[in-house]
Amino acid sequence: MDSQNPIPLPKKRQTRTLVFGIRLTHQERETIRAFARQINFPASEMARHFVLQAVAYHSARLTEKGGADAAQS
């Protein structure tokens, strides 16, 4: 990930069979849907991509800082 855009936009679809549910407010859901429409991507696929990118980013930071104790700082 580069420093200018730490979370790149999604590229292609993969077949998936498992479901991971999260609760959202109506406003949060609409915010996600609106952005997905802007980039012409399915909202669930875009959300999945960004969640996985955020996990990768923060996992790398934890590794660099020395583990879970660094997450609290």
C-alpha atoms as a PDB file:
ATOM      1  CA  MET A   1       0.000   0.000   0.000  1.00  0.00           C
ATOM      2  CA  ASP A   2       1.381   3.405  -0.823  1.00  0.00           C
ATOM      3  CA  SER A   3       1.194   6.356   1.578  1.00  0.00           C
ATOM      4  CA  GLN A   4      -0.962   8.461  -0.759  1.00  0.00           C
ATOM      5  CA  ASN A   5      -3.766   5.885  -0.942  1.00  0.00           C
ATOM      6  CA  PRO A   6      -3.335   3.344   1.872  1.00  0.00           C
ATOM      7  CA  ILE A   7      -6.502   1.492   0.887  1.00  0.00           C
ATOM      8  CA  PRO A   8      -6.762   0.902  -2.886  1.00  0.00           C
ATOM      9  CA  LEU A   9     -10.091   0.381  -4.612  1.00  0.00           C
ATOM     10  CA  PRO A  10     -11.247  -3.209  -5.244  1.00  0.00           C
ATOM     11  CA  LYS A  11     -10.334  -4.863  -8.537  1.00  0.00           C
ATOM     12  CA  LYS A  12     -12.118  -8.124  -9.351  1.00  0.00           C
ATOM     13  CA  ARG A  13     -14.724 -10.456  -7.943  1.00  0.00           C
ATOM     14  CA  GLN A  14     -14.049 -13.840  -6.394  1.00  0.00           C
ATOM     15  CA  THR A  15     -16.620 -16.496  -5.558  1.00  0.00           C
ATOM     16  CA  ARG A  16     -17.408 -16.543  -1.851  1.00  0.00           C
ATOM     17  CA  THR A  17     -19.645 -18.832   0.205  1.00  0.00           C
ATOM     18  CA  LEU A  18     -19.406 -17.550   3.792  1.00  0.00           C
ATOM     19  CA  VAL A  19     -21.320 -14.615   5.290  1.00  0.00           C
ATOM     20  CA  PHE A  20     -20.025 -12.208   7.957  1.00  0.00           C
ATOM     21  CA  GLY A  21     -22.743  -9.934   9.332  1.00  0.00           C
ATOM     22  CA  ILE A  22     -22.354  -6.493  10.896  1.00  0.00           C
ATOM     23  CA  ARG A  23     -24.942  -4.095  12.262  1.00  0.00           C
ATOM     24  CA  LEU A  24     -25.139  -0.613  10.742  1.00  0.00           C
ATOM     25  CA  THR A  25     -27.287   2.445  11.207  1.00  0.00           C
ATOM     26  CA  HIS A  26     -29.376   3.521   8.237  1.00  0.00           C
ATOM     27  CA  GLN A  27     -26.934   6.395   7.696  1.00  0.00           C
ATOM     28  CA  GLU A  28     -23.882   4.106   7.735  1.00  0.00           C
ATOM     29  CA  ARG A  29     -25.502   1.761   5.232  1.00  0.00           C
ATOM     30  CA  GLU A  30     -26.467   4.618   2.950  1.00  0.00           C
ATOM     31  CA  THR A  31     -22.960   6.089   3.148  1.00  0.00           C
ATOM     32  CA  ILE A  32     -21.507   2.737   2.049  1.00  0.00           C
ATOM     33  CA  ARG A  33     -24.071   2.333  -0.730  1.00  0.00           C
ATOM     34  CA  ALA A  34     -23.547   5.872  -1.999  1.00  0.00           C
ATOM     35  CA  PHE A  35     -19.787   5.445  -2.257  1.00  0.00           C
ATOM     36  CA  ALA A  36     -20.199   2.044  -3.916  1.00  0.00           C
ATOM     37  CA  ARG A  37     -22.438   3.686  -6.536  1.00  0.00           C
ATOM     38  CA  GLN A  38     -19.784   6.389  -7.091  1.00  0.00           C
ATOM     39  CA  ILE A  39     -17.130   3.793  -7.912  1.00  0.00           C
ATOM     40  CA  ASN A  40     -19.614   1.527  -9.727  1.00  0.00           C
ATOM     41  CA  PHE A  41     -19.048  -1.456  -7.451  1.00  0.00           C
ATOM     42  CA  PRO A  42     -21.401  -3.691  -5.440  1.00  0.00           C
ATOM     43  CA  ALA A  43     -21.633  -2.317  -1.879  1.00  0.00           C
ATOM     44  CA  SER A  44     -20.957  -5.636  -0.161  1.00  0.00           C
ATOM     45  CA  GLU A  45     -17.895  -6.309  -2.296  1.00  0.00           C
ATOM     46  CA  MET A  46     -16.539  -2.830  -1.710  1.00  0.00           C
ATOM     47  CA  ALA A  47     -17.127  -3.077   2.052  1.00  0.00           C
ATOM     48  CA  ARG A  48     -15.423  -6.486   2.182  1.00  0.00           C
ATOM     49  CA  HIS A  49     -12.441  -5.141   0.286  1.00  0.00           C
ATOM     50  CA  PHE A  50     -12.018  -2.139   2.578  1.00  0.00           C
ATOM     51  CA  VAL A  51     -12.401  -4.240   5.738  1.00  0.00           C
ATOM     52  CA  LEU A  52      -9.730  -6.674   4.529  1.00  0.00           C
ATOM     53  CA  GLN A  53      -7.431  -3.801   3.507  1.00  0.00           C
ATOM     54  CA  ALA A  54      -7.845  -2.180   6.941  1.00  0.00           C
ATOM     55  CA  VAL A  55      -7.085  -5.486   8.672  1.00  0.00           C
ATOM     56  CA  ALA A  56      -3.935  -5.930   6.577  1.00  0.00           C
ATOM     57  CA  TYR A  57      -2.829  -2.357   7.266  1.00  0.00           C
ATOM     58  CA  HIS A  58      -3.364  -2.526  11.020  1.00  0.00           C
ATOM     59  CA  SER A  59      -1.895  -6.023  11.271  1.00  0.00           C
ATOM     60  CA  ALA A  60       1.294  -4.755   9.642  1.00  0.00           C
ATOM     61  CA  ARG A  61       1.412  -1.803  12.053  1.00  0.00           C
ATOM     62  CA  LEU A  62       1.020  -4.120  15.032  1.00  0.00           C
ATOM     63  CA  THR A  63       3.840  -6.299  13.756  1.00  0.00           C
ATOM     64  CA  GLU A  64       6.067  -3.231  13.282  1.00  0.00           C
ATOM     65  CA  LYS A  65       5.277  -1.868  16.763  1.00  0.00           C
ATOM     66  CA  GLY A  66       5.691  -5.165  18.568  1.00  0.00           C
ATOM     67  CA  GLY A  67       2.316  -6.827  18.937  1.00  0.00           C
ATOM     68  CA  ALA A  68      -1.061  -6.334  20.591  1.00  0.00           C
ATOM     69  CA  ASP A  69       0.227  -4.020  23.347  1.00  0.00           C
ATOM     70  CA  ALA A  70       1.021  -1.451  20.648  1.00  0.00           C
ATOM     71  CA  ALA A  71      -2.623  -1.478  19.475  1.00  0.00           C
ATOM     72  CA  GLN A  72      -3.657   0.393  22.607  1.00  0.00           C
ATOM     73  CA  SER A  73      -1.320   3.344  21.905  1.00  0.00           C
END
